[in-house]
Full PDB file with SEQRES, HELIX, SHEET, SSBOND, CRYST1, ORIGX, SCALE, CONECT and MASTER records, all heavy atoms in Angstrom:
SEQRES   1 A   32  VAL LYS ARG ASN PRO GLN ARG LEU ASN GLU LEU MET TRP          
SEQRES   2 A   32  ALA ASN ALA ARG TYR VAL PHE PHE ARG GLU GLU PRO LEU          
SEQRES   3 A   32  ARG ASP PRO GLN ALA GLY                                      
HELIX    1 AA1 PRO A    5  ARG A    7  5                                   3    
HELIX    2 AA2 LEU A    8  TRP A   13  1                                   6    
CRYST1    1.000    1.000    1.000  90.00  90.00  90.00 P 1           1          
ORIGX1      1.000000  0.000000  0.000000        0.00000                         
ORIGX2      0.000000  1.000000  0.000000        0.00000                         
ORIGX3      0.000000  0.000000  1.000000        0.00000                         
SCALE1      1.000000  0.000000  0.000000        0.00000                         
SCALE2      0.000000  1.000000  0.000000        0.00000                         
SCALE3      0.000000  0.000000  1.000000        0.00000                         
ATOM      1  N   VAL A   1       0.835  -1.212   0.000  1.00  0.00           N  
ATOM      2  CA  VAL A   1      -0.007   0.012   0.004  1.00  0.00           C  
ATOM      3  C   VAL A   1       0.883   1.267  -0.010  1.00  0.00           C  
ATOM      4  O   VAL A   1       0.545   2.254  -0.663  1.00  0.00           O  
ATOM      5  CB  VAL A   1      -0.962  -0.017   1.220  1.00  0.00           C  
ATOM      6  CG1 VAL A   1      -1.665   1.336   1.352  1.00  0.00           C  
ATOM      7  CG2 VAL A   1      -1.991  -1.120   1.038  1.00  0.00           C  
ATOM      8  N   LYS A   2       1.969   1.225   0.732  1.00  0.00           N  
ATOM      9  CA  LYS A   2       2.877   2.393   0.745  1.00  0.00           C  
ATOM     10  C   LYS A   2       3.426   2.659  -0.665  1.00  0.00           C  
ATOM     11  O   LYS A   2       3.598   3.812  -1.073  1.00  0.00           O  
ATOM     12  CB  LYS A   2       4.050   2.144   1.681  1.00  0.00           C  
ATOM     13  CG  LYS A   2       3.684   2.258   3.151  1.00  0.00           C  
ATOM     14  CD  LYS A   2       4.920   2.014   4.019  1.00  0.00           C  
ATOM     15  CE  LYS A   2       4.584   2.109   5.478  1.00  0.00           C  
ATOM     16  NZ  LYS A   2       5.742   1.839   6.355  1.00  0.00           N  
ATOM     17  N   ARG A   3       3.676   1.590  -1.410  1.00  0.00           N  
ATOM     18  CA  ARG A   3       4.205   1.756  -2.763  1.00  0.00           C  
ATOM     19  C   ARG A   3       3.116   2.070  -3.796  1.00  0.00           C  
ATOM     20  O   ARG A   3       3.403   2.604  -4.856  1.00  0.00           O  
ATOM     21  CB  ARG A   3       4.961   0.482  -3.223  1.00  0.00           C  
ATOM     22  CG  ARG A   3       6.157   0.129  -2.365  1.00  0.00           C  
ATOM     23  CD  ARG A   3       7.027  -0.909  -3.063  1.00  0.00           C  
ATOM     24  NE  ARG A   3       6.251  -2.066  -3.508  1.00  0.00           N  
ATOM     25  CZ  ARG A   3       6.029  -3.157  -2.791  1.00  0.00           C  
ATOM     26  NH1 ARG A   3       6.571  -3.241  -1.563  1.00  0.00           N  
ATOM     27  NH2 ARG A   3       5.331  -4.189  -3.269  1.00  0.00           N  
ATOM     28  N   ASN A   4       1.875   1.700  -3.460  1.00  0.00           N  
ATOM     29  CA  ASN A   4       0.797   1.851  -4.434  1.00  0.00           C  
ATOM     30  C   ASN A   4      -0.441   2.522  -3.793  1.00  0.00           C  
ATOM     31  O   ASN A   4      -1.539   1.951  -3.789  1.00  0.00           O  
ATOM     32  CB  ASN A   4       0.399   0.473  -4.981  1.00  0.00           C  
ATOM     33  CG  ASN A   4       1.551  -0.262  -5.660  1.00  0.00           C  
ATOM     34  OD1 ASN A   4       1.805  -0.046  -6.834  1.00  0.00           O  
ATOM     35  ND2 ASN A   4       2.196  -1.112  -4.888  1.00  0.00           N  
ATOM     36  N   PRO A   5      -0.288   3.706  -3.232  1.00  0.00           N  
ATOM     37  CA  PRO A   5      -1.419   4.331  -2.557  1.00  0.00           C  
ATOM     38  C   PRO A   5      -2.611   4.587  -3.490  1.00  0.00           C  
ATOM     39  O   PRO A   5      -3.768   4.606  -3.034  1.00  0.00           O  
ATOM     40  CB  PRO A   5      -0.851   5.650  -2.033  1.00  0.00           C  
ATOM     41  CG  PRO A   5       0.357   5.903  -2.884  1.00  0.00           C  
ATOM     42  CD  PRO A   5       0.901   4.573  -3.239  1.00  0.00           C  
ATOM     43  N   GLN A   6      -2.332   4.776  -4.791  1.00  0.00           N  
ATOM     44  CA  GLN A   6      -3.413   5.057  -5.736  1.00  0.00           C  
ATOM     45  C   GLN A   6      -4.321   3.819  -5.976  1.00  0.00           C  
ATOM     46  O   GLN A   6      -5.434   3.964  -6.498  1.00  0.00           O  
ATOM     47  CB  GLN A   6      -2.838   5.513  -7.092  1.00  0.00           C  
ATOM     48  CG  GLN A   6      -2.150   4.449  -7.940  1.00  0.00           C  
ATOM     49  CD  GLN A   6      -0.777   4.033  -7.437  1.00  0.00           C  
ATOM     50  OE1 GLN A   6      -0.261   4.566  -6.439  1.00  0.00           O  
ATOM     51  NE2 GLN A   6      -0.140   3.093  -8.136  1.00  0.00           N  
ATOM     52  N   ARG A   7      -3.843   2.627  -5.536  1.00  0.00           N  
ATOM     53  CA  ARG A   7      -4.646   1.418  -5.744  1.00  0.00           C  
ATOM     54  C   ARG A   7      -5.280   0.914  -4.425  1.00  0.00           C  
ATOM     55  O   ARG A   7      -5.749  -0.217  -4.366  1.00  0.00           O  
ATOM     56  CB  ARG A   7      -3.749   0.323  -6.328  1.00  0.00           C  
ATOM     57  CG  ARG A   7      -3.214   0.672  -7.737  1.00  0.00           C  
ATOM     58  CD  ARG A   7      -2.422  -0.475  -8.321  1.00  0.00           C  
ATOM     59  NE  ARG A   7      -3.257  -1.647  -8.542  1.00  0.00           N  
ATOM     60  CZ  ARG A   7      -2.748  -2.845  -8.948  1.00  0.00           C  
ATOM     61  NH1 ARG A   7      -1.430  -2.973  -9.089  1.00  0.00           N  
ATOM     62  NH2 ARG A   7      -3.535  -3.869  -9.143  1.00  0.00           N  
ATOM     63  N   LEU A   8      -5.301   1.764  -3.407  1.00  0.00           N  
ATOM     64  CA  LEU A   8      -5.837   1.380  -2.122  1.00  0.00           C  
ATOM     65  C   LEU A   8      -7.302   0.903  -2.221  1.00  0.00           C  
ATOM     66  O   LEU A   8      -7.657  -0.157  -1.702  1.00  0.00           O  
ATOM     67  CB  LEU A   8      -5.751   2.513  -1.113  1.00  0.00           C  
ATOM     68  CG  LEU A   8      -6.339   2.233   0.288  1.00  0.00           C  
ATOM     69  CD1 LEU A   8      -5.613   1.076   0.974  1.00  0.00           C  
ATOM     70  CD2 LEU A   8      -6.263   3.508   1.129  1.00  0.00           C  
ATOM     71  N   ASN A   9      -8.125   1.649  -2.923  1.00  0.00           N  
ATOM     72  CA  ASN A   9      -9.523   1.241  -3.021  1.00  0.00           C  
ATOM     73  C   ASN A   9      -9.682  -0.078  -3.744  1.00  0.00           C  
ATOM     74  O   ASN A   9     -10.532  -0.921  -3.384  1.00  0.00           O  
ATOM     75  CB  ASN A   9     -10.320   2.330  -3.760  1.00  0.00           C  
ATOM     76  CG  ASN A   9     -10.655   3.512  -2.868  1.00  0.00           C  
ATOM     77  OD1 ASN A   9     -10.593   3.399  -1.636  1.00  0.00           O  
ATOM     78  ND2 ASN A   9     -10.996   4.652  -3.461  1.00  0.00           N  
ATOM     79  N   GLU A  10      -8.877  -0.321  -4.739  1.00  0.00           N  
ATOM     80  CA  GLU A  10      -8.937  -1.586  -5.461  1.00  0.00           C  
ATOM     81  C   GLU A  10      -8.673  -2.745  -4.492  1.00  0.00           C  
ATOM     82  O   GLU A  10      -9.391  -3.784  -4.553  1.00  0.00           O  
ATOM     83  CB  GLU A  10      -7.907  -1.601  -6.600  1.00  0.00           C  
ATOM     84  CG  GLU A  10      -7.927  -2.890  -7.437  1.00  0.00           C  
ATOM     85  CD  GLU A  10      -6.813  -2.881  -8.479  1.00  0.00           C  
ATOM     86  OE1 GLU A  10      -6.039  -1.896  -8.564  1.00  0.00           O  
ATOM     87  OE2 GLU A  10      -6.672  -3.922  -9.171  1.00  0.00           O  
ATOM     88  N   LEU A  11      -7.687  -2.564  -3.651  1.00  0.00           N  
ATOM     89  CA  LEU A  11      -7.365  -3.607  -2.673  1.00  0.00           C  
ATOM     90  C   LEU A  11      -8.514  -3.774  -1.654  1.00  0.00           C  
ATOM     91  O   LEU A  11      -8.934  -4.894  -1.372  1.00  0.00           O  
ATOM     92  CB  LEU A  11      -6.082  -3.253  -1.942  1.00  0.00           C  
ATOM     93  CG  LEU A  11      -5.701  -4.201  -0.816  1.00  0.00           C  
ATOM     94  CD1 LEU A  11      -5.330  -5.572  -1.342  1.00  0.00           C  
ATOM     95  CD2 LEU A  11      -4.520  -3.606   0.016  1.00  0.00           C  
ATOM     96  N   MET A  12      -9.023  -2.647  -1.131  1.00  0.00           N  
ATOM     97  CA  MET A  12     -10.084  -2.714  -0.140  1.00  0.00           C  
ATOM     98  C   MET A  12     -11.342  -3.363  -0.684  1.00  0.00           C  
ATOM     99  O   MET A  12     -11.998  -4.178  -0.034  1.00  0.00           O  
ATOM    100  CB  MET A  12     -10.411  -1.316   0.393  1.00  0.00           C  
ATOM    101  CG  MET A  12      -9.311  -0.586   1.087  1.00  0.00           C  
ATOM    102  SD  MET A  12      -8.797  -1.402   2.657  1.00  0.00           S  
ATOM    103  CE  MET A  12      -7.253  -2.148   2.163  1.00  0.00           C  
ATOM    104  N   TRP A  13     -11.687  -3.023  -1.923  1.00  0.00           N  
ATOM    105  CA  TRP A  13     -12.962  -3.484  -2.501  1.00  0.00           C  
ATOM    106  C   TRP A  13     -12.904  -4.945  -2.943  1.00  0.00           C  
ATOM    107  O   TRP A  13     -13.956  -5.522  -3.271  1.00  0.00           O  
ATOM    108  CB  TRP A  13     -13.346  -2.594  -3.661  1.00  0.00           C  
ATOM    109  CG  TRP A  13     -13.679  -1.191  -3.203  1.00  0.00           C  
ATOM    110  CD1 TRP A  13     -13.983  -0.781  -1.947  1.00  0.00           C  
ATOM    111  CD2 TRP A  13     -13.718  -0.008  -4.028  1.00  0.00           C  
ATOM    112  NE1 TRP A  13     -14.224   0.583  -1.919  1.00  0.00           N  
ATOM    113  CE2 TRP A  13     -14.071   1.079  -3.188  1.00  0.00           C  
ATOM    114  CE3 TRP A  13     -13.510   0.259  -5.380  1.00  0.00           C  
ATOM    115  CZ2 TRP A  13     -14.197   2.382  -3.658  1.00  0.00           C  
ATOM    116  CZ3 TRP A  13     -13.640   1.578  -5.852  1.00  0.00           C  
ATOM    117  CH2 TRP A  13     -13.983   2.614  -4.974  1.00  0.00           C  
ATOM    118  N   ALA A  14     -11.716  -5.532  -2.980  1.00  0.00           N  
ATOM    119  CA  ALA A  14     -11.615  -6.973  -3.293  1.00  0.00           C  
ATOM    120  C   ALA A  14     -12.262  -7.801  -2.185  1.00  0.00           C  
ATOM    121  O   ALA A  14     -12.627  -8.961  -2.401  1.00  0.00           O  
ATOM    122  CB  ALA A  14     -10.161  -7.374  -3.450  1.00  0.00           C  
ATOM    123  N   ASN A  15     -12.464  -7.195  -1.018  1.00  0.00           N  
ATOM    124  CA  ASN A  15     -13.210  -7.830   0.077  1.00  0.00           C  
ATOM    125  C   ASN A  15     -14.585  -7.187   0.158  1.00  0.00           C  
ATOM    126  O   ASN A  15     -14.748  -6.088   0.622  1.00  0.00           O  
ATOM    127  CB  ASN A  15     -12.463  -7.628   1.408  1.00  0.00           C  
ATOM    128  CG  ASN A  15     -13.226  -8.187   2.585  1.00  0.00           C  
ATOM    129  OD1 ASN A  15     -14.066  -9.072   2.427  1.00  0.00           O  
ATOM    130  ND2 ASN A  15     -12.973  -7.638   3.758  1.00  0.00           N  
ATOM    131  N   ALA A  16     -15.593  -7.926  -0.294  1.00  0.00           N  
ATOM    132  CA  ALA A  16     -16.962  -7.355  -0.328  1.00  0.00           C  
ATOM    133  C   ALA A  16     -17.597  -7.292   1.071  1.00  0.00           C  
ATOM    134  O   ALA A  16     -18.545  -6.535   1.274  1.00  0.00           O  
ATOM    135  CB  ALA A  16     -17.865  -8.163  -1.251  1.00  0.00           C  
ATOM    136  N   ARG A  17     -17.087  -8.080   2.037  1.00  0.00           N  
ATOM    137  CA  ARG A  17     -17.650  -8.099   3.400  1.00  0.00           C  
ATOM    138  C   ARG A  17     -17.441  -6.768   4.083  1.00  0.00           C  
ATOM    139  O   ARG A  17     -16.307  -6.193   4.085  1.00  0.00           O  
ATOM    140  CB  ARG A  17     -17.006  -9.247   4.203  1.00  0.00           C  
ATOM    141  CG  ARG A  17     -17.291  -9.236   5.705  1.00  0.00           C  
ATOM    142  CD  ARG A  17     -18.711  -9.685   5.994  1.00  0.00           C  
ATOM    143  NE  ARG A  17     -18.969 -11.022   5.528  1.00  0.00           N  
ATOM    144  CZ  ARG A  17     -18.722 -12.147   6.223  1.00  0.00           C  
ATOM    145  NH1 ARG A  17     -18.160 -12.079   7.405  1.00  0.00           N  
ATOM    146  NH2 ARG A  17     -19.022 -13.313   5.711  1.00  0.00           N  
ATOM    147  N   TYR A  18     -18.453  -6.250   4.741  1.00  0.00           N  
ATOM    148  CA  TYR A  18     -18.337  -5.000   5.502  1.00  0.00           C  
ATOM    149  C   TYR A  18     -18.978  -5.235   6.871  1.00  0.00           C  
ATOM    150  O   TYR A  18     -20.123  -5.693   6.977  1.00  0.00           O  
ATOM    151  CB  TYR A  18     -19.033  -3.830   4.808  1.00  0.00           C  
ATOM    152  CG  TYR A  18     -18.537  -2.487   5.262  1.00  0.00           C  
ATOM    153  CD1 TYR A  18     -17.596  -1.791   4.522  1.00  0.00           C  
ATOM    154  CD2 TYR A  18     -19.021  -1.916   6.464  1.00  0.00           C  
ATOM    155  CE1 TYR A  18     -17.137  -0.554   4.937  1.00  0.00           C  
ATOM    156  CE2 TYR A  18     -18.545  -0.675   6.884  1.00  0.00           C  
ATOM    157  CZ  TYR A  18     -17.611  -0.005   6.107  1.00  0.00           C  
ATOM    158  OH  TYR A  18     -17.135   1.229   6.568  1.00  0.00           O  
ATOM    159  N   VAL A  19     -18.225  -4.930   7.937  1.00  0.00           N  
ATOM    160  CA  VAL A  19     -18.687  -5.126   9.307  1.00  0.00           C  
ATOM    161  C   VAL A  19     -19.039  -3.780   9.923  1.00  0.00           C  
ATOM    162  O   VAL A  19     -18.297  -2.801   9.775  1.00  0.00           O  
ATOM    163  CB  VAL A  19     -17.637  -5.834  10.161  1.00  0.00           C  
ATOM    164  CG1 VAL A  19     -18.022  -5.903  11.629  1.00  0.00           C  
ATOM    165  CG2 VAL A  19     -17.368  -7.251   9.622  1.00  0.00           C  
ATOM    166  N   PHE A  20     -20.182  -3.709  10.620  1.00  0.00           N  
ATOM    167  CA  PHE A  20     -20.618  -2.505  11.294  1.00  0.00           C  
ATOM    168  C   PHE A  20     -20.463  -2.716  12.812  1.00  0.00           C  
ATOM    169  O   PHE A  20     -20.401  -3.859  13.315  1.00  0.00           O  
ATOM    170  CB  PHE A  20     -22.084  -2.233  10.973  1.00  0.00           C  
ATOM    171  CG  PHE A  20     -22.329  -2.012   9.501  1.00  0.00           C  
ATOM    172  CD1 PHE A  20     -22.779  -3.043   8.698  1.00  0.00           C  
ATOM    173  CD2 PHE A  20     -22.110  -0.776   8.927  1.00  0.00           C  
ATOM    174  CE1 PHE A  20     -23.017  -2.850   7.343  1.00  0.00           C  
ATOM    175  CE2 PHE A  20     -22.346  -0.574   7.577  1.00  0.00           C  
ATOM    176  CZ  PHE A  20     -22.795  -1.610   6.751  1.00  0.00           C  
ATOM    177  N   PHE A  21     -20.406  -1.577  13.543  1.00  0.00           N  
ATOM    178  CA  PHE A  21     -20.090  -1.629  14.975  1.00  0.00           C  
ATOM    179  C   PHE A  21     -21.084  -0.832  15.806  1.00  0.00           C  
ATOM    180  O   PHE A  21     -21.851  -0.022  15.266  1.00  0.00           O  
ATOM    181  CB  PHE A  21     -18.666  -1.079  15.198  1.00  0.00           C  
ATOM    182  CG  PHE A  21     -17.581  -1.908  14.575  1.00  0.00           C  
ATOM    183  CD1 PHE A  21     -17.140  -1.647  13.301  1.00  0.00           C  
ATOM    184  CD2 PHE A  21     -17.038  -2.975  15.290  1.00  0.00           C  
ATOM    185  CE1 PHE A  21     -16.145  -2.401  12.700  1.00  0.00           C  
ATOM    186  CE2 PHE A  21     -16.043  -3.767  14.688  1.00  0.00           C  
ATOM    187  CZ  PHE A  21     -15.595  -3.479  13.419  1.00  0.00           C  
ATOM    188  N   ARG A  22     -21.049  -1.098  17.095  1.00  0.00           N  
ATOM    189  CA  ARG A  22     -21.762  -0.308  18.089  1.00  0.00           C  
ATOM    190  C   ARG A  22     -20.748   0.160  19.125  1.00  0.00           C  
ATOM    191  O   ARG A  22     -19.795  -0.579  19.410  1.00  0.00           O  
ATOM    192  CB  ARG A  22     -22.911  -1.073  18.753  1.00  0.00           C  
ATOM    193  CG  ARG A  22     -22.459  -2.271  19.540  1.00  0.00           C  
ATOM    194  CD  ARG A  22     -23.617  -2.858  20.381  1.00  0.00           C  
ATOM    195  NE  ARG A  22     -24.679  -3.288  19.496  1.00  0.00           N  
ATOM    196  CZ  ARG A  22     -24.782  -4.546  19.017  1.00  0.00           C  
ATOM    197  NH1 ARG A  22     -23.822  -5.424  19.304  1.00  0.00           N  
ATOM    198  NH2 ARG A  22     -25.779  -4.905  18.261  1.00  0.00           N  
ATOM    199  N   GLU A  23     -20.937   1.328  19.653  1.00  0.00           N  
ATOM    200  CA  GLU A  23     -20.013   1.839  20.674  1.00  0.00           C  
ATOM    201  C   GLU A  23     -20.461   1.370  22.035  1.00  0.00           C  
ATOM    202  O   GLU A  23     -21.646   1.410  22.388  1.00  0.00           O  
ATOM    203  CB  GLU A  23     -19.941   3.365  20.637  1.00  0.00           C  
ATOM    204  CG  GLU A  23     -18.948   3.939  21.593  1.00  0.00           C  
ATOM    205  CD  GLU A  23     -18.770   5.442  21.430  1.00  0.00           C  
ATOM    206  OE1 GLU A  23     -18.856   5.938  20.285  1.00  0.00           O  
ATOM    207  OE2 GLU A  23     -18.559   6.134  22.460  1.00  0.00           O  
ATOM    208  N   GLU A  24     -19.507   0.932  22.867  1.00  0.00           N  
ATOM    209  CA  GLU A  24     -19.798   0.445  24.204  1.00  0.00           C  
ATOM    210  C   GLU A  24     -18.797   1.061  25.171  1.00  0.00           C  
ATOM    211  O   GLU A  24     -17.650   1.246  24.844  1.00  0.00           O  
ATOM    212  CB  GLU A  24     -19.660  -1.103  24.262  1.00  0.00           C  
ATOM    213  CG  GLU A  24     -20.514  -1.862  23.246  1.00  0.00           C  
ATOM    214  CD  GLU A  24     -20.137  -3.322  23.165  1.00  0.00           C  
ATOM    215  OE1 GLU A  24     -19.204  -3.742  23.886  1.00  0.00           O  
ATOM    216  OE2 GLU A  24     -20.770  -4.051  22.394  1.00  0.00           O  
ATOM    217  N   PRO A  25     -19.236   1.347  26.415  1.00  0.00           N  
ATOM    218  CA  PRO A  25     -18.276   1.856  27.397  1.00  0.00           C  
ATOM    219  C   PRO A  25     -17.297   0.774  27.804  1.00  0.00           C  
ATOM    220  O   PRO A  25     -17.662  -0.423  27.837  1.00  0.00           O  
ATOM    221  CB  PRO A  25     -19.174   2.251  28.586  1.00  0.00           C  
ATOM    222  CG  PRO A  25     -20.436   1.453  28.390  1.00  0.00           C  
ATOM    223  CD  PRO A  25     -20.602   1.269  26.911  1.00  0.00           C  
ATOM    224  N   LEU A  26     -16.069   1.157  28.075  1.00  0.00           N  
ATOM    225  CA  LEU A  26     -15.051   0.198  28.489  1.00  0.00           C  
ATOM    226  C   LEU A  26     -15.002   0.206  30.031  1.00  0.00           C  
ATOM    227  O   LEU A  26     -14.097   0.820  30.630  1.00  0.00           O  
ATOM    228  CB  LEU A  26     -13.694   0.571  27.880  1.00  0.00           C  
ATOM    229  CG  LEU A  26     -12.554  -0.462  28.016  1.00  0.00           C  
ATOM    230  CD1 LEU A  26     -12.933  -1.738  27.333  1.00  0.00           C  
ATOM    231  CD2 LEU A  26     -11.271   0.107  27.429  1.00  0.00           C  
ATOM    232  N   ARG A  27     -15.950  -0.470  30.633  1.00  0.00           N  
ATOM    233  CA  ARG A  27     -16.097  -0.418  32.085  1.00  0.00           C  
ATOM    234  C   ARG A  27     -14.999  -1.162  32.797  1.00  0.00           C  
ATOM    235  O   ARG A  27     -14.531  -0.758  33.844  1.00  0.00           O  
ATOM    236  CB  ARG A  27     -17.471  -0.955  32.475  1.00  0.00           C  
ATOM    237  CG  ARG A  27     -18.641  -0.117  32.059  1.00  0.00           C  
ATOM    238  CD  ARG A  27     -19.957  -0.562  32.693  1.00  0.00           C  
ATOM    239  NE  ARG A  27     -21.078   0.289  32.305  1.00  0.00           N  
ATOM    240  CZ  ARG A  27     -21.884   0.050  31.307  1.00  0.00           C  
ATOM    241  NH1 ARG A  27     -21.677  -1.014  30.526  1.00  0.00           N  
ATOM    242  NH2 ARG A  27     -22.883   0.864  31.022  1.00  0.00           N  
ATOM    243  N   ASP A  28     -14.629  -2.311  32.247  1.00  0.00           N  
ATOM    244  CA  ASP A  28     -13.576  -3.117  32.881  1.00  0.00           C  
ATOM    245  C   ASP A  28     -12.437  -3.318  31.893  1.00  0.00           C  
ATOM    246  O   ASP A  28     -12.542  -4.132  31.008  1.00  0.00           O  
ATOM    247  CB  ASP A  28     -14.155  -4.475  33.315  1.00  0.00           C  
ATOM    248  CG  ASP A  28     -13.112  -5.336  33.995  1.00  0.00           C  
ATOM    249  OD1 ASP A  28     -11.962  -4.895  34.167  1.00  0.00           O  
ATOM    250  OD2 ASP A  28     -13.465  -6.474  34.367  1.00  0.00           O  
ATOM    251  N   PRO A  29     -11.333  -2.542  32.052  1.00  0.00           N  
ATOM    252  CA  PRO A  29     -10.235  -2.661  31.112  1.00  0.00           C  
ATOM    253  C   PRO A  29      -9.583  -4.046  31.084  1.00  0.00           C  
ATOM    254  O   PRO A  29      -8.857  -4.385  30.151  1.00  0.00           O  
ATOM    255  CB  PRO A  29      -9.219  -1.597  31.582  1.00  0.00           C  
ATOM    256  CG  PRO A  29     -10.035  -0.660  32.419  1.00  0.00           C  
ATOM    257  CD  PRO A  29     -11.087  -1.520  33.050  1.00  0.00           C  
ATOM    258  N   GLN A  30      -9.832  -4.866  32.125  1.00  0.00           N  
ATOM    259  CA  GLN A  30      -9.228  -6.189  32.201  1.00  0.00           C  
ATOM    260  C   GLN A  30     -10.117  -7.285  31.584  1.00  0.00           C  
ATOM    261  O   GLN A  30      -9.728  -8.462  31.612  1.00  0.00           O  
ATOM    262  CB  GLN A  30      -8.915  -6.539  33.652  1.00  0.00           C  
ATOM    263  CG  GLN A  30      -7.943  -5.567  34.317  1.00  0.00           C  
ATOM    264  CD  GLN A  30      -6.669  -5.373  33.528  1.00  0.00           C  
ATOM    265  OE1 GLN A  30      -6.031  -6.361  33.097  1.00  0.00           O  
ATOM    266  NE2 GLN A  30      -6.297  -4.136  33.265  1.00  0.00           N  
ATOM    267  N   ALA A  31     -11.277  -6.885  31.063  1.00  0.00           N  
ATOM    268  CA  ALA A  31     -12.176  -7.881  30.444  1.00  0.00           C  
ATOM    269  C   ALA A  31     -12.157  -7.715  28.932  1.00  0.00           C  
ATOM    270  O   ALA A  31     -12.068  -6.593  28.441  1.00  0.00           O  
ATOM    271  CB  ALA A  31     -13.588  -7.694  30.980  1.00  0.00           C  
ATOM    272  N   GLY A  32     -12.290  -8.799  28.247  1.00  0.00           N  
ATOM    273  CA  GLY A  32     -12.334  -8.742  26.800  1.00  0.00           C  
ATOM    274  C   GLY A  32     -13.709  -8.349  26.307  1.00  0.00           C  
ATOM    275  O   GLY A  32     -14.625  -8.146  27.086  1.00  0.00           O  
TER     276      GLY A  32                                                      
MASTER        0    0    0    2    0    0    0    6  275    1    0    3          
END                                                                             
């Protein structure tokens, strides 16, 4: 990617899967 920044989208779009998130408080930093 450092050598080919102009092709970043091409690389990213080769993976059609897209994951969405929700924000959660980090109440216990020692828990996963």
